Amino acid sequence: ELVATITSSENTNYADSVKGRFTISRDNAKNTVYLQMN
């Protein structure tokens, strides 16, 4: 299942099951995407 997406302009979307708990982010300088799960 799809959990989260982030676009090149840093727009984000989340599955309803994780919304408010998970945060997707990216650091283009490090070529890395993160998923913070609380």
All heavy atoms as atom14 arrays in JSON, in Angstrom:
{
  "sequence": "ELVATITSSENTNYADSVKGRFTISRDNAKNTVYLQMN",
  "atom14_mask": [
    [1, 1, 1, 1, 1, 1, 1, 1, 1, 0, 0, 0, 0, 0],
    [1, 1, 1, 1, 1, 1, 1, 1, 0, 0, 0, 0, 0, 0],
    [1, 1, 1, 1, 1, 1, 1, 0, 0, 0, 0, 0, 0, 0],
    [1, 1, 1, 1, 1, 0, 0, 0, 0, 0, 0, 0, 0, 0],
    [1, 1, 1, 1, 1, 1, 1, 0, 0, 0, 0, 0, 0, 0],
    [1, 1, 1, 1, 1, 1, 1, 1, 0, 0, 0, 0, 0, 0],
    [1, 1, 1, 1, 1, 1, 1, 0, 0, 0, 0, 0, 0, 0],
    [1, 1, 1, 1, 1, 1, 0, 0, 0, 0, 0, 0, 0, 0],
    [1, 1, 1, 1, 1, 1, 0, 0, 0, 0, 0, 0, 0, 0],
    [1, 1, 1, 1, 1, 1, 1, 1, 1, 0, 0, 0, 0, 0],
    [1, 1, 1, 1, 1, 1, 1, 1, 0, 0, 0, 0, 0, 0],
    [1, 1, 1, 1, 1, 1, 1, 0, 0, 0, 0, 0, 0, 0],
    [1, 1, 1, 1, 1, 1, 1, 1, 0, 0, 0, 0, 0, 0],
    [1, 1, 1, 1, 1, 1, 1, 1, 1, 1, 1, 1, 0, 0],
    [1, 1, 1, 1, 1, 0, 0, 0, 0, 0, 0, 0, 0, 0],
    [1, 1, 1, 1, 1, 1, 1, 1, 0, 0, 0, 0, 0, 0],
    [1, 1, 1, 1, 1, 1, 0, 0, 0, 0, 0, 0, 0, 0],
    [1, 1, 1, 1, 1, 1, 1, 0, 0, 0, 0, 0, 0, 0],
    [1, 1, 1, 1, 1, 1, 1, 1, 1, 0, 0, 0, 0, 0],
    [1, 1, 1, 1, 0, 0, 0, 0, 0, 0, 0, 0, 0, 0],
    [1, 1, 1, 1, 1, 1, 1, 1, 1, 1, 1, 0, 0, 0],
    [1, 1, 1, 1, 1, 1, 1, 1, 1, 1, 1, 0, 0, 0],
    [1, 1, 1, 1, 1, 1, 1, 0, 0, 0, 0, 0, 0, 0],
    [1, 1, 1, 1, 1, 1, 1, 1, 0, 0, 0, 0, 0, 0],
    [1, 1, 1, 1, 1, 1, 0, 0, 0, 0, 0, 0, 0, 0],
    [1, 1, 1, 1, 1, 1, 1, 1, 1, 1, 1, 0, 0, 0],
    [1, 1, 1, 1, 1, 1, 1, 1, 0, 0, 0, 0, 0, 0],
    [1, 1, 1, 1, 1, 1, 1, 1, 0, 0, 0, 0, 0, 0],
    [1, 1, 1, 1, 1, 0, 0, 0, 0, 0, 0, 0, 0, 0],
    [1, 1, 1, 1, 1, 1, 1, 1, 1, 0, 0, 0, 0, 0],
    [1, 1, 1, 1, 1, 1, 1, 1, 0, 0, 0, 0, 0, 0],
    [1, 1, 1, 1, 1, 1, 1, 0, 0, 0, 0, 0, 0, 0],
    [1, 1, 1, 1, 1, 1, 1, 0, 0, 0, 0, 0, 0, 0],
    [1, 1, 1, 1, 1, 1, 1, 1, 1, 1, 1, 1, 0, 0],
    [1, 1, 1, 1, 1, 1, 1, 1, 0, 0, 0, 0, 0, 0],
    [1, 1, 1, 1, 1, 1, 1, 1, 1, 0, 0, 0, 0, 0],
    [1, 1, 1, 1, 1, 1, 1, 1, 0, 0, 0, 0, 0, 0],
    [1, 1, 1, 1, 1, 1, 1, 1, 0, 0, 0, 0, 0, 0]
  ],
  "atom14_positions": [
    [[0.82, -1.2, 0.0], [0.0, 0.0, 0.0], [0.86, 1.26, 0.0], [1.95, 1.29, 0.58], [-0.95, 0.02, 1.2], [-0.27, 0.09, 2.55], [-1.25, 0.23, 3.71], [-2.37, 0.74, 3.51], [-0.88, -0.17, 4.84], [0.0, 0.0, 0.0], [0.0, 0.0, 0.0], [0.0, 0.0, 0.0], [0.0, 0.0, 0.0], [0.0, 0.0, 0.0]],
    [[0.34, 2.28, -0.64], [1.01, 3.57, -0.68], [0.81, 4.28, 0.65], [-0.31, 4.43, 1.12], [0.44, 4.42, -1.82], [1.01, 5.82, -2.01], [2.5, 5.75, -2.35], [0.24, 6.54, -3.11], [0.0, 0.0, 0.0], [0.0, 0.0, 0.0], [0.0, 0.0, 0.0], [0.0, 0.0, 0.0], [0.0, 0.0, 0.0], [0.0, 0.0, 0.0]],
    [[1.91, 4.73, 1.24], [1.88, 5.39, 2.53], [1.93, 6.9, 2.39], [1.16, 7.63, 3.03], [3.05, 4.91, 3.42], [3.1, 5.68, 4.73], [2.93, 3.41, 3.69], [0.0, 0.0, 0.0], [0.0, 0.0, 0.0], [0.0, 0.0, 0.0], [0.0, 0.0, 0.0], [0.0, 0.0, 0.0], [0.0, 0.0, 0.0], [0.0, 0.0, 0.0]],
    [[2.86, 7.41, 1.58], [3.06, 8.84, 1.45], [3.8, 9.15, 0.16], [4.57, 8.33, -0.34], [3.85, 9.38, 2.64], [0.0, 0.0, 0.0], [0.0, 0.0, 0.0], [0.0, 0.0, 0.0], [0.0, 0.0, 0.0], [0.0, 0.0, 0.0], [0.0, 0.0, 0.0], [0.0, 0.0, 0.0], [0.0, 0.0, 0.0], [0.0, 0.0, 0.0]],
    [[3.57, 10.34, -0.36], [4.29, 10.83, -1.53], [4.78, 12.24, -1.28], [4.2, 12.99, -0.49], [3.42, 10.84, -2.8], [2.3, 11.71, -2.61], [2.93, 9.44, -3.14], [0.0, 0.0, 0.0], [0.0, 0.0, 0.0], [0.0, 0.0, 0.0], [0.0, 0.0, 0.0], [0.0, 0.0, 0.0], [0.0, 0.0, 0.0], [0.0, 0.0, 0.0]],
    [[5.84, 12.6, -1.99], [6.34, 13.97, -1.96], [6.81, 14.33, -3.36], [7.55, 13.57, -3.99], [7.45, 14.15, -0.9], [7.88, 15.62, -0.83], [8.64, 13.23, -1.17], [8.71, 15.94, 0.41], [0.0, 0.0, 0.0], [0.0, 0.0, 0.0], [0.0, 0.0, 0.0], [0.0, 0.0, 0.0], [0.0, 0.0, 0.0], [0.0, 0.0, 0.0]],
    [[6.37, 15.47, -3.86], [6.74, 15.91, -5.19], [8.04, 16.69, -5.16], [8.61, 16.98, -4.11], [5.64, 16.79, -5.8], [5.6, 18.04, -5.1], [4.29, 16.12, -5.74], [0.0, 0.0, 0.0], [0.0, 0.0, 0.0], [0.0, 0.0, 0.0], [0.0, 0.0, 0.0], [0.0, 0.0, 0.0], [0.0, 0.0, 0.0], [0.0, 0.0, 0.0]],
    [[8.51, 17.05, -6.36], [9.73, 17.84, -6.46], [9.57, 19.22, -5.82], [10.56, 19.8, -5.37], [10.14, 17.99, -7.92], [9.13, 18.64, -8.68], [0.0, 0.0, 0.0], [0.0, 0.0, 0.0], [0.0, 0.0, 0.0], [0.0, 0.0, 0.0], [0.0, 0.0, 0.0], [0.0, 0.0, 0.0], [0.0, 0.0, 0.0], [0.0, 0.0, 0.0]],
    [[8.34, 19.72, -5.77], [8.06, 20.99, -5.12], [7.66, 20.82, -3.66], [7.21, 21.78, -3.02], [6.99, 21.76, -5.88], [5.8, 21.01, -5.99], [0.0, 0.0, 0.0], [0.0, 0.0, 0.0], [0.0, 0.0, 0.0], [0.0, 0.0, 0.0], [0.0, 0.0, 0.0], [0.0, 0.0, 0.0], [0.0, 0.0, 0.0], [0.0, 0.0, 0.0]],
    [[7.78, 19.61, -3.15], [7.56, 19.28, -1.74], [6.1, 19.32, -1.32], [5.8, 19.46, -0.13], [8.44, 20.14, -0.82], [9.92, 19.94, -1.11], [10.83, 20.6, -0.11], [10.34, 21.23, 0.85], [12.06, 20.47, -0.28], [0.0, 0.0, 0.0], [0.0, 0.0, 0.0], [0.0, 0.0, 0.0], [0.0, 0.0, 0.0], [0.0, 0.0, 0.0]],
    [[5.19, 19.15, -2.28], [3.81, 18.86, -1.92], [3.73, 17.42, -1.44], [4.37, 16.53, -2.01], [2.89, 19.05, -3.11], [2.76, 20.5, -3.5], [2.67, 21.38, -2.66], [2.72, 20.76, -4.8], [0.0, 0.0, 0.0], [0.0, 0.0, 0.0], [0.0, 0.0, 0.0], [0.0, 0.0, 0.0], [0.0, 0.0, 0.0], [0.0, 0.0, 0.0]],
    [[2.94, 17.17, -0.42], [2.87, 15.84, 0.19], [1.45, 15.32, 0.23], [0.49, 16.09, 0.3], [3.44, 15.85, 1.61], [2.71, 16.78, 2.42], [4.91, 16.25, 1.58], [0.0, 0.0, 0.0], [0.0, 0.0, 0.0], [0.0, 0.0, 0.0], [0.0, 0.0, 0.0], [0.0, 0.0, 0.0], [0.0, 0.0, 0.0], [0.0, 0.0, 0.0]],
    [[1.33, 14.0, 0.23], [0.05, 13.32, 0.41], [0.28, 12.09, 1.26], [1.35, 11.48, 1.21], [-0.57, 12.92, -0.93], [-1.11, 14.09, -1.7], [-0.47, 14.59, -2.62], [-2.29, 14.56, -1.31], [0.0, 0.0, 0.0], [0.0, 0.0, 0.0], [0.0, 0.0, 0.0], [0.0, 0.0, 0.0], [0.0, 0.0, 0.0], [0.0, 0.0, 0.0]],
    [[-0.76, 11.7, 2.01], [-0.65, 10.6, 2.95], [-1.86, 9.7, 2.88], [-2.98, 10.16, 2.63], [-0.52, 11.11, 4.38], [0.68, 11.98, 4.61], [0.61, 13.36, 4.45], [1.89, 11.42, 4.98], [1.73, 14.16, 4.65], [3.01, 12.22, 5.19], [2.92, 13.58, 5.02], [4.03, 14.37, 5.23], [0.0, 0.0, 0.0], [0.0, 0.0, 0.0]],
    [[-1.63, 8.43, 3.14], [-2.75, 7.53, 3.35], [-3.51, 7.95, 4.6], [-2.92, 8.44, 5.57], [-2.25, 6.09, 3.51], [0.0, 0.0, 0.0], [0.0, 0.0, 0.0], [0.0, 0.0, 0.0], [0.0, 0.0, 0.0], [0.0, 0.0, 0.0], [0.0, 0.0, 0.0], [0.0, 0.0, 0.0], [0.0, 0.0, 0.0], [0.0, 0.0, 0.0]],
    [[-4.82, 7.75, 4.58], [-5.63, 8.14, 5.73], [-5.15, 7.46, 7.02], [-5.24, 8.05, 8.1], [-7.1, 7.8, 5.49], [-7.75, 8.72, 4.48], [-7.21, 9.8, 4.22], [-8.81, 8.34, 3.96], [0.0, 0.0, 0.0], [0.0, 0.0, 0.0], [0.0, 0.0, 0.0], [0.0, 0.0, 0.0], [0.0, 0.0, 0.0], [0.0, 0.0, 0.0]],
    [[-4.64, 6.25, 6.9], [-4.24, 5.49, 8.07], [-3.03, 6.08, 8.8], [-2.81, 5.76, 9.96], [-3.95, 4.04, 7.69], [-2.93, 3.98, 6.71], [0.0, 0.0, 0.0], [0.0, 0.0, 0.0], [0.0, 0.0, 0.0], [0.0, 0.0, 0.0], [0.0, 0.0, 0.0], [0.0, 0.0, 0.0], [0.0, 0.0, 0.0], [0.0, 0.0, 0.0]],
    [[-2.25, 6.91, 8.12], [-1.05, 7.47, 8.73], [-1.1, 8.99, 8.85], [-0.2, 9.58, 9.47], [0.22, 7.07, 7.97], [0.28, 5.56, 7.78], [0.32, 7.78, 6.63], [0.0, 0.0, 0.0], [0.0, 0.0, 0.0], [0.0, 0.0, 0.0], [0.0, 0.0, 0.0], [0.0, 0.0, 0.0], [0.0, 0.0, 0.0], [0.0, 0.0, 0.0]],
    [[-2.1, 9.61, 8.3], [-2.2, 11.06, 8.31], [-2.19, 11.6, 9.73], [-2.92, 11.1, 10.6], [-3.46, 11.5, 7.56], [-3.51, 12.99, 7.25], [-4.67, 13.29, 6.29], [-4.47, 12.62, 4.95], [-5.56, 12.95, 3.99], [0.0, 0.0, 0.0], [0.0, 0.0, 0.0], [0.0, 0.0, 0.0], [0.0, 0.0, 0.0], [0.0, 0.0, 0.0]],
    [[-1.37, 12.59, 9.97], [-1.23, 13.17, 11.29], [-0.17, 12.51, 12.14], [0.21, 13.07, 13.18], [0.0, 0.0, 0.0], [0.0, 0.0, 0.0], [0.0, 0.0, 0.0], [0.0, 0.0, 0.0], [0.0, 0.0, 0.0], [0.0, 0.0, 0.0], [0.0, 0.0, 0.0], [0.0, 0.0, 0.0], [0.0, 0.0, 0.0], [0.0, 0.0, 0.0]],
    [[0.29, 11.33, 11.74], [1.32, 10.61, 12.49], [2.64, 10.52, 11.75], [3.7, 10.54, 12.37], [0.84, 9.19, 12.81], [-0.43, 9.15, 13.65], [-0.75, 7.72, 14.09], [-1.01, 6.84, 12.96], [-0.3, 5.74, 12.68], [0.71, 5.38, 13.46], [-0.63, 5.0, 11.63], [0.0, 0.0, 0.0], [0.0, 0.0, 0.0], [0.0, 0.0, 0.0]],
    [[2.59, 10.41, 10.42], [3.79, 10.27, 9.61], [4.04, 11.56, 8.83], [3.1, 12.26, 8.43], [3.63, 9.14, 8.59], [3.6, 7.75, 9.16], [3.48, 7.51, 10.52], [3.7, 6.65, 8.3], [3.45, 6.22, 11.03], [3.68, 5.36, 8.8], [3.55, 5.14, 10.15], [0.0, 0.0, 0.0], [0.0, 0.0, 0.0], [0.0, 0.0, 0.0]],
    [[5.31, 11.84, 8.58], [5.71, 12.99, 7.78], [6.77, 12.57, 6.78], [7.82, 12.03, 7.17], [6.25, 14.13, 8.65], [5.27, 14.51, 9.62], [6.59, 15.34, 7.79], [0.0, 0.0, 0.0], [0.0, 0.0, 0.0], [0.0, 0.0, 0.0], [0.0, 0.0, 0.0], [0.0, 0.0, 0.0], [0.0, 0.0, 0.0], [0.0, 0.0, 0.0]],
    [[6.51, 12.8, 5.5], [7.51, 12.55, 4.48], [8.23, 13.86, 4.17], [7.6, 14.93, 4.14], [6.87, 11.94, 3.2], [7.94, 11.51, 2.2], [5.86, 12.89, 2.58], [7.39, 10.7, 1.03], [0.0, 0.0, 0.0], [0.0, 0.0, 0.0], [0.0, 0.0, 0.0], [0.0, 0.0, 0.0], [0.0, 0.0, 0.0], [0.0, 0.0, 0.0]],
    [[9.52, 13.8, 3.97], [10.31, 14.98, 3.66], [11.47, 14.59, 2.77], [11.74, 13.4, 2.56], [10.81, 15.66, 4.94], [11.68, 14.81, 5.67], [0.0, 0.0, 0.0], [0.0, 0.0, 0.0], [0.0, 0.0, 0.0], [0.0, 0.0, 0.0], [0.0, 0.0, 0.0], [0.0, 0.0, 0.0], [0.0, 0.0, 0.0], [0.0, 0.0, 0.0]],
    [[12.13, 15.58, 2.22], [13.28, 15.3, 1.36], [14.36, 16.34, 1.57], [14.09, 17.5, 1.92], [12.86, 15.25, -0.12], [12.38, 16.58, -0.7], [11.7, 16.37, -2.06], [12.61, 15.79, -3.03], [12.23, 15.09, -4.09], [10.93, 14.87, -4.32], [13.13, 14.6, -4.92], [0.0, 0.0, 0.0], [0.0, 0.0, 0.0], [0.0, 0.0, 0.0]],
    [[15.59, 15.9, 1.37], [16.75, 16.77, 1.42], [17.48, 16.58, 0.1], [18.22, 15.61, -0.08], [17.64, 16.41, 2.61], [18.79, 17.38, 2.79], [19.16, 18.08, 1.84], [19.35, 17.43, 3.91], [0.0, 0.0, 0.0], [0.0, 0.0, 0.0], [0.0, 0.0, 0.0], [0.0, 0.0, 0.0], [0.0, 0.0, 0.0], [0.0, 0.0, 0.0]],
    [[17.26, 17.49, -0.82], [17.83, 17.34, -2.15], [19.35, 17.43, -2.16], [20.0, 16.84, -3.01], [17.22, 18.37, -3.11], [15.77, 18.1, -3.42], [15.3, 16.97, -3.32], [15.05, 19.15, -3.8], [0.0, 0.0, 0.0], [0.0, 0.0, 0.0], [0.0, 0.0, 0.0], [0.0, 0.0, 0.0], [0.0, 0.0, 0.0], [0.0, 0.0, 0.0]],
    [[19.91, 18.18, -1.22], [21.36, 18.28, -1.12], [21.98, 16.94, -0.75], [23.15, 16.68, -1.07], [21.76, 19.35, -0.12], [0.0, 0.0, 0.0], [0.0, 0.0, 0.0], [0.0, 0.0, 0.0], [0.0, 0.0, 0.0], [0.0, 0.0, 0.0], [0.0, 0.0, 0.0], [0.0, 0.0, 0.0], [0.0, 0.0, 0.0], [0.0, 0.0, 0.0]],
    [[21.22, 16.1, -0.05], [21.71, 14.79, 0.36], [21.13, 13.66, -0.47], [21.42, 12.49, -0.21], [21.39, 14.55, 1.84], [22.09, 15.5, 2.78], [21.77, 15.17, 4.23], [22.51, 16.09, 5.17], [22.2, 15.8, 6.59], [0.0, 0.0, 0.0], [0.0, 0.0, 0.0], [0.0, 0.0, 0.0], [0.0, 0.0, 0.0], [0.0, 0.0, 0.0]],
    [[20.3, 13.98, -1.46], [19.65, 12.97, -2.29], [18.93, 11.93, -1.44], [19.03, 10.73, -1.69], [20.65, 12.28, -3.22], [21.16, 13.17, -4.34], [22.17, 12.86, -4.95], [20.48, 14.27, -4.6], [0.0, 0.0, 0.0], [0.0, 0.0, 0.0], [0.0, 0.0, 0.0], [0.0, 0.0, 0.0], [0.0, 0.0, 0.0], [0.0, 0.0, 0.0]],
    [[18.2, 12.41, -0.45], [17.58, 11.51, 0.52], [16.14, 11.92, 0.79], [15.84, 13.11, 0.92], [18.38, 11.49, 1.83], [19.71, 11.06, 1.56], [17.75, 10.53, 2.83], [0.0, 0.0, 0.0], [0.0, 0.0, 0.0], [0.0, 0.0, 0.0], [0.0, 0.0, 0.0], [0.0, 0.0, 0.0], [0.0, 0.0, 0.0], [0.0, 0.0, 0.0]],
    [[15.27, 10.93, 0.89], [13.9, 11.14, 1.33], [13.71, 10.42, 2.66], [14.29, 9.35, 2.88], [12.88, 10.67, 0.26], [13.01, 9.18, -0.02], [11.46, 11.04, 0.66], [0.0, 0.0, 0.0], [0.0, 0.0, 0.0], [0.0, 0.0, 0.0], [0.0, 0.0, 0.0], [0.0, 0.0, 0.0], [0.0, 0.0, 0.0], [0.0, 0.0, 0.0]],
    [[12.92, 11.01, 3.53], [12.71, 10.49, 4.87], [11.24, 10.2, 5.12], [10.36, 10.79, 4.5], [13.18, 11.49, 5.92], [14.62, 11.92, 5.78], [14.95, 13.08, 5.1], [15.64, 11.16, 6.34], [16.27, 13.48, 4.97], [16.96, 11.55, 6.21], [17.27, 12.71, 5.53], [18.58, 13.09, 5.41], [0.0, 0.0, 0.0], [0.0, 0.0, 0.0]],
    [[11.0, 9.31, 6.05], [9.66, 9.11, 6.58], [9.75, 9.1, 8.1], [10.25, 8.14, 8.69], [9.04, 7.8, 6.07], [7.58, 7.58, 6.46], [6.67, 8.58, 5.74], [7.14, 6.15, 6.14], [0.0, 0.0, 0.0], [0.0, 0.0, 0.0], [0.0, 0.0, 0.0], [0.0, 0.0, 0.0], [0.0, 0.0, 0.0], [0.0, 0.0, 0.0]],
    [[9.3, 10.19, 8.7], [9.23, 10.28, 10.15], [7.93, 9.66, 10.61], [6.85, 10.1, 10.2], [9.32, 11.73, 10.61], [9.22, 11.92, 12.12], [10.4, 11.35, 12.85], [11.54, 11.57, 12.47], [10.13, 10.6, 13.92], [0.0, 0.0, 0.0], [0.0, 0.0, 0.0], [0.0, 0.0, 0.0], [0.0, 0.0, 0.0], [0.0, 0.0, 0.0]],
    [[8.01, 8.65, 11.45], [6.85, 7.91, 11.9], [6.71, 8.08, 13.41], [7.57, 7.64, 14.17], [6.97, 6.43, 11.54], [7.22, 6.19, 10.07], [7.22, 4.42, 9.65], [8.67, 3.9, 10.57], [0.0, 0.0, 0.0], [0.0, 0.0, 0.0], [0.0, 0.0, 0.0], [0.0, 0.0, 0.0], [0.0, 0.0, 0.0], [0.0, 0.0, 0.0]],
    [[5.64, 8.72, 13.82], [5.35, 8.94, 15.23], [4.08, 8.21, 15.63], [3.28, 7.82, 14.79], [5.2, 10.44, 15.52], [6.44, 11.23, 15.23], [7.56, 10.76, 15.41], [6.26, 12.47, 14.79], [0.0, 0.0, 0.0], [0.0, 0.0, 0.0], [0.0, 0.0, 0.0], [0.0, 0.0, 0.0], [0.0, 0.0, 0.0], [0.0, 0.0, 0.0]]
  ]
}
